[in-house]
Amino acid sequence: MVKVSTDPREAVDAAYYHHTGNWAIRRISMIARVRVYKRFVQSMQPKPSDRILDVGASDDTGPDSNMLEQLYPHRQKLTCASLSDGQSLLPAYPGVGHVPIVAGQPLPFKTNEFDIVYCNAVLEHAGSRKCQGELIHELCRVAPRRFIAVPNRRFPIEHHTCLPLVHWLPRAWFRWLLRGTRYDFWSREENLNYISAGEICARWPGRELPKVSYAGIGFGPWNSNLIIYQTLPAAGH
């Protein structure tokens, strides 16, 4: 059984790297995340002056973690928001800012305080559909341009356990199958709740819906990562 910290962010990080921590898997993960970053640059076309908020930066500073902080050339324009105090993030990525956030609470930023909000591999860990919807609204509130990446359920390998095809089962079956095993952490909705493009769009505020794309490992709709993004301010914002 995975032993996890009582801190929510550390718990997710610890469990993730416990099950996907060997060098080969992390190498594949790094390739996928680099491609997500490239899709971010391609779709959002950030300017050097753009203020960017990364919601859900990880305390893990390995080669496949925090790809935005690793690769973006204008770190002084990056603000990391995480559930930790940021003490591992700041020395690892000199120049970035850090603001602690509280799970389930509104983000501590003004409306449109940033130009772009970036959120990768976080929404699936936000809990129930209600909690996920609240986070989507907060992401859209703090910036007019939004980029969200989540695991694509169509990809044949489950991201957090590396088990093949099990996440294609109905959610109740998937959770029942993992319950009581070494993957029990991921059987709980508050720790892992896959969300589709349609479900994200249904919770998107404003009249203008975001665009849907794919990136990572794989091809087309079977790529490892689902990308939801909006490059222009939504109506009513």
Protein backbone atom coordinates (compact mmCIF):
# COMPACT_ATOMS: atom_id res chain seq x y z
CA MET A 1 0.00 0.00 0.00
CA VAL A 2 1.27 3.50 -0.80
CA LYS A 3 2.08 5.65 2.21
CA VAL A 4 1.14 9.23 1.52
CA SER A 5 1.55 12.53 3.30
CA THR A 6 -1.39 14.24 4.96
CA ASP A 7 -0.68 17.27 2.77
CA PRO A 8 -2.94 16.98 -0.36
CA ARG A 9 -0.34 18.10 -2.91
CA GLU A 10 2.45 16.00 -1.43
CA ALA A 11 0.10 13.03 -1.29
CA VAL A 12 -0.67 13.17 -5.00
CA ASP A 13 2.99 13.72 -5.92
CA ALA A 14 4.19 10.86 -3.72
CA ALA A 15 1.66 8.39 -5.07
CA TYR A 16 2.26 9.42 -8.68
CA TYR A 17 5.99 8.88 -8.53
CA HIS A 18 5.63 5.73 -6.44
CA HIS A 19 3.84 3.98 -9.31
CA THR A 20 5.53 5.68 -12.27
CA GLY A 21 8.96 6.35 -10.83
CA ASN A 22 11.33 4.14 -12.83
CA TRP A 23 13.60 5.91 -15.30
CA ALA A 24 11.99 4.52 -18.45
CA ILE A 25 8.48 5.61 -17.49
CA ARG A 26 9.69 9.02 -16.37
CA ARG A 27 11.53 9.42 -19.66
CA ILE A 28 8.30 8.72 -21.57
CA SER A 29 6.46 11.09 -19.25
CA MET A 30 9.04 13.78 -19.97
CA ILE A 31 8.56 13.39 -23.73
CA ALA A 32 4.79 13.70 -23.34
CA ARG A 33 5.06 16.78 -21.14
CA VAL A 34 7.53 18.48 -23.46
CA ARG A 35 4.99 18.00 -26.24
CA VAL A 36 2.26 19.47 -24.06
CA TYR A 37 4.51 22.47 -23.42
CA LYS A 38 5.14 22.87 -27.16
CA ARG A 39 1.39 22.76 -27.76
CA PHE A 40 1.00 25.47 -25.14
CA VAL A 41 3.51 27.71 -26.92
CA GLN A 42 1.99 26.93 -30.32
CA SER A 43 -1.61 27.59 -29.31
CA MET A 44 -1.22 30.43 -26.80
CA GLN A 45 1.74 32.21 -28.46
CA PRO A 46 2.81 33.91 -25.22
CA LYS A 47 4.63 37.23 -25.49
CA PRO A 48 7.62 38.03 -23.26
CA SER A 49 5.45 40.56 -21.44
CA ASP A 50 2.57 38.14 -20.70
CA ARG A 51 1.97 37.34 -17.04
CA ILE A 52 1.46 33.58 -16.73
CA LEU A 53 -0.01 31.68 -13.79
CA ASP A 54 0.75 27.97 -13.41
CA VAL A 55 -1.90 26.43 -11.16
CA GLY A 56 -0.80 23.19 -9.54
CA ALA A 57 2.98 23.26 -9.84
CA SER A 58 4.58 20.17 -8.31
CA ASP A 59 7.00 19.95 -5.39
CA ASP A 60 8.80 17.24 -7.33
CA THR A 61 11.55 18.85 -9.40
CA GLY A 62 12.55 15.83 -11.48
CA PRO A 63 13.17 15.94 -15.24
CA ASP A 64 9.50 15.32 -16.10
CA SER A 65 8.04 17.78 -13.59
CA ASN A 66 7.04 21.45 -14.00
CA MET A 67 7.83 21.58 -17.70
CA LEU A 68 6.61 25.17 -18.01
CA GLU A 69 9.06 26.31 -15.34
CA GLN A 70 11.83 24.26 -16.92
CA LEU A 71 11.44 25.44 -20.51
CA TYR A 72 9.72 28.82 -20.59
CA PRO A 73 12.42 31.46 -21.28
CA HIS A 74 10.81 34.33 -19.31
CA ARG A 75 10.60 32.91 -15.81
CA GLN A 76 10.24 36.34 -14.22
CA LYS A 77 6.75 36.39 -15.74
CA LEU A 78 5.78 33.02 -14.24
CA THR A 79 3.88 32.63 -10.98
CA CYS A 80 3.56 29.11 -9.57
CA ALA A 81 0.53 28.33 -7.43
CA SER A 82 0.75 25.16 -5.34
CA LEU A 83 -0.50 23.63 -2.11
CA SER A 84 2.99 23.82 -0.63
CA ASP A 85 5.19 26.66 0.60
CA GLY A 86 7.18 26.56 -2.65
CA GLN A 87 10.51 25.99 -0.92
CA SER A 88 11.54 23.33 -3.46
CA LEU A 89 10.24 25.29 -6.46
CA LEU A 90 11.97 28.62 -5.97
CA PRO A 91 15.59 27.40 -5.91
CA ALA A 92 14.94 24.89 -8.71
CA TYR A 93 13.59 27.54 -11.10
CA PRO A 94 15.27 30.88 -10.31
CA GLY A 95 13.14 33.85 -11.27
CA VAL A 96 9.68 32.36 -10.83
CA GLY A 97 7.23 33.61 -8.24
CA HIS A 98 5.21 31.43 -5.90
CA VAL A 99 1.85 31.80 -4.16
CA PRO A 100 0.39 29.09 -1.89
CA ILE A 101 -3.21 28.05 -2.54
CA VAL A 102 -5.73 25.97 -0.58
CA ALA A 103 -7.50 22.99 -2.15
CA GLY A 104 -11.18 23.69 -2.75
CA GLN A 105 -10.84 27.41 -2.06
CA PRO A 106 -10.95 30.32 -4.56
CA LEU A 107 -7.61 31.24 -6.06
CA PRO A 108 -6.08 34.22 -4.20
CA PHE A 109 -5.88 36.42 -7.29
CA LYS A 110 -7.91 39.25 -8.76
CA THR A 111 -10.06 38.75 -11.85
CA ASN A 112 -7.82 38.83 -14.95
CA GLU A 113 -4.74 39.44 -12.81
CA PHE A 114 -2.80 37.34 -15.33
CA ASP A 115 -2.75 37.24 -19.12
CA ILE A 116 -2.59 33.42 -19.35
CA VAL A 117 -3.44 30.64 -16.94
CA TYR A 118 -1.79 27.23 -17.40
CA CYS A 119 -3.00 24.11 -15.61
CA ASN A 120 -1.51 20.72 -16.45
CA ALA A 121 -2.40 17.38 -14.79
CA VAL A 122 -4.37 19.03 -11.97
CA LEU A 123 -8.07 19.04 -12.83
CA GLU A 124 -8.35 15.24 -12.62
CA HIS A 125 -7.20 15.49 -8.98
CA ALA A 126 -9.71 18.19 -7.96
CA GLY A 127 -12.37 15.74 -6.76
CA SER A 128 -16.06 15.62 -7.69
CA ARG A 129 -17.56 17.14 -10.84
CA LYS A 130 -18.77 20.03 -8.67
CA CYS A 131 -15.24 20.67 -7.38
CA GLN A 132 -13.82 20.37 -10.89
CA GLY A 133 -16.38 22.85 -12.17
CA GLU A 134 -15.46 25.33 -9.44
CA LEU A 135 -11.79 25.03 -10.34
CA ILE A 136 -12.55 25.56 -14.03
CA HIS A 137 -14.44 28.75 -13.17
CA GLU A 138 -11.53 29.97 -11.04
CA LEU A 139 -9.02 29.25 -13.79
CA CYS A 140 -11.15 31.21 -16.24
CA ARG A 141 -11.63 34.07 -13.77
CA VAL A 142 -7.95 34.84 -13.20
CA ALA A 143 -6.93 35.12 -16.87
CA PRO A 144 -8.68 35.72 -20.22
CA ARG A 145 -6.49 33.16 -22.02
CA ARG A 146 -6.65 29.62 -20.63
CA PHE A 147 -4.73 26.39 -21.23
CA ILE A 148 -5.77 23.19 -19.44
CA ALA A 149 -4.23 19.74 -20.00
CA VAL A 150 -5.59 16.52 -18.49
CA PRO A 151 -4.98 12.81 -19.11
CA ASN A 152 -6.89 11.52 -22.11
CA ARG A 153 -9.05 8.55 -21.10
CA ARG A 154 -8.80 7.19 -24.66
CA PHE A 155 -5.06 6.59 -24.24
CA PRO A 156 -4.64 2.85 -23.61
CA ILE A 157 -2.30 3.15 -20.60
CA GLU A 158 -3.66 4.59 -17.36
CA HIS A 159 -1.38 7.49 -16.41
CA HIS A 160 -1.17 7.00 -12.67
CA THR A 161 -0.89 3.22 -12.35
CA CYS A 162 0.61 2.36 -15.76
CA LEU A 163 -1.99 -0.41 -16.04
CA PRO A 164 -3.38 -1.03 -19.53
CA LEU A 165 -7.04 -0.42 -20.37
CA VAL A 166 -8.42 -0.49 -16.80
CA HIS A 167 -9.56 3.16 -17.03
CA TRP A 168 -11.72 2.25 -20.04
CA LEU A 169 -14.03 0.42 -17.64
CA PRO A 170 -17.03 2.26 -16.16
CA ARG A 171 -15.79 4.50 -13.35
CA ALA A 172 -17.42 2.41 -10.63
CA TRP A 173 -15.76 -0.75 -11.98
CA PHE A 174 -12.38 0.99 -12.28
CA ARG A 175 -12.53 2.12 -8.65
CA TRP A 176 -13.74 -1.27 -7.45
CA LEU A 177 -10.89 -3.02 -9.28
CA LEU A 178 -8.22 -0.80 -7.64
CA ARG A 179 -9.76 -0.71 -4.17
CA GLY A 180 -7.67 -2.53 -1.57
CA THR A 181 -4.71 -2.99 -3.94
CA ARG A 182 -1.42 -1.11 -4.07
CA TYR A 183 -3.28 1.35 -6.32
CA ASP A 184 -6.03 2.02 -3.75
CA PHE A 185 -5.12 5.74 -3.59
CA TRP A 186 -6.33 6.13 -7.18
CA SER A 187 -9.63 4.36 -6.51
CA ARG A 188 -10.94 7.40 -4.64
CA GLU A 189 -12.75 10.17 -6.49
CA GLU A 190 -11.01 12.89 -4.48
CA ASN A 191 -7.63 11.66 -5.78
CA LEU A 192 -8.48 10.75 -9.37
CA ASN A 193 -11.55 11.62 -11.42
CA TYR A 194 -11.08 11.52 -15.20
CA ILE A 195 -12.89 14.30 -17.03
CA SER A 196 -13.65 14.53 -20.74
CA ALA A 197 -13.53 17.46 -23.14
CA GLY A 198 -17.33 17.56 -23.22
CA GLU A 199 -17.55 17.63 -19.44
CA ILE A 200 -15.02 20.47 -19.26
CA CYS A 201 -16.82 22.47 -21.96
CA ALA A 202 -20.14 21.96 -20.18
CA ARG A 203 -18.66 23.71 -17.13
CA TRP A 204 -16.90 26.47 -19.06
CA PRO A 205 -18.14 29.97 -18.20
CA GLY A 206 -19.21 32.44 -20.87
CA ARG A 207 -20.78 31.91 -24.25
CA GLU A 208 -17.60 31.19 -26.22
CA LEU A 209 -16.50 27.59 -25.77
CA PRO A 210 -12.82 26.60 -25.72
CA LYS A 211 -11.01 24.66 -28.39
CA VAL A 212 -10.10 20.99 -27.99
CA SER A 213 -6.81 19.45 -29.07
CA TYR A 214 -4.47 16.57 -28.20
CA ALA A 215 -0.78 16.24 -27.38
CA GLY A 216 1.74 13.94 -25.75
CA ILE A 217 2.40 10.31 -26.67
CA GLY A 218 0.21 8.60 -29.27
CA PHE A 219 -1.76 9.88 -32.23
CA GLY A 220 -4.89 11.94 -32.83
CA PRO A 221 -7.72 11.42 -30.32
CA TRP A 222 -5.70 8.59 -28.72
CA ASN A 223 -2.87 10.88 -27.63
CA SER A 224 -2.00 10.72 -23.95
CA ASN A 225 -3.14 14.25 -23.16
CA LEU A 226 -6.32 16.18 -23.78
CA ILE A 227 -5.86 19.93 -24.30
CA ILE A 228 -8.61 22.49 -23.67
CA TYR A 229 -7.65 26.06 -24.46
CA GLN A 230 -8.99 29.51 -25.18
CA THR A 231 -6.84 32.18 -26.79
CA LEU A 232 -9.28 35.12 -26.73
CA PRO A 233 -11.39 36.57 -23.91
CA ALA A 234 -14.72 34.77 -23.57
CA ALA A 235 -17.94 36.69 -23.99
CA GLY A 236 -19.03 38.29 -20.75
CA HIS A 237 -15.50 38.35 -19.25
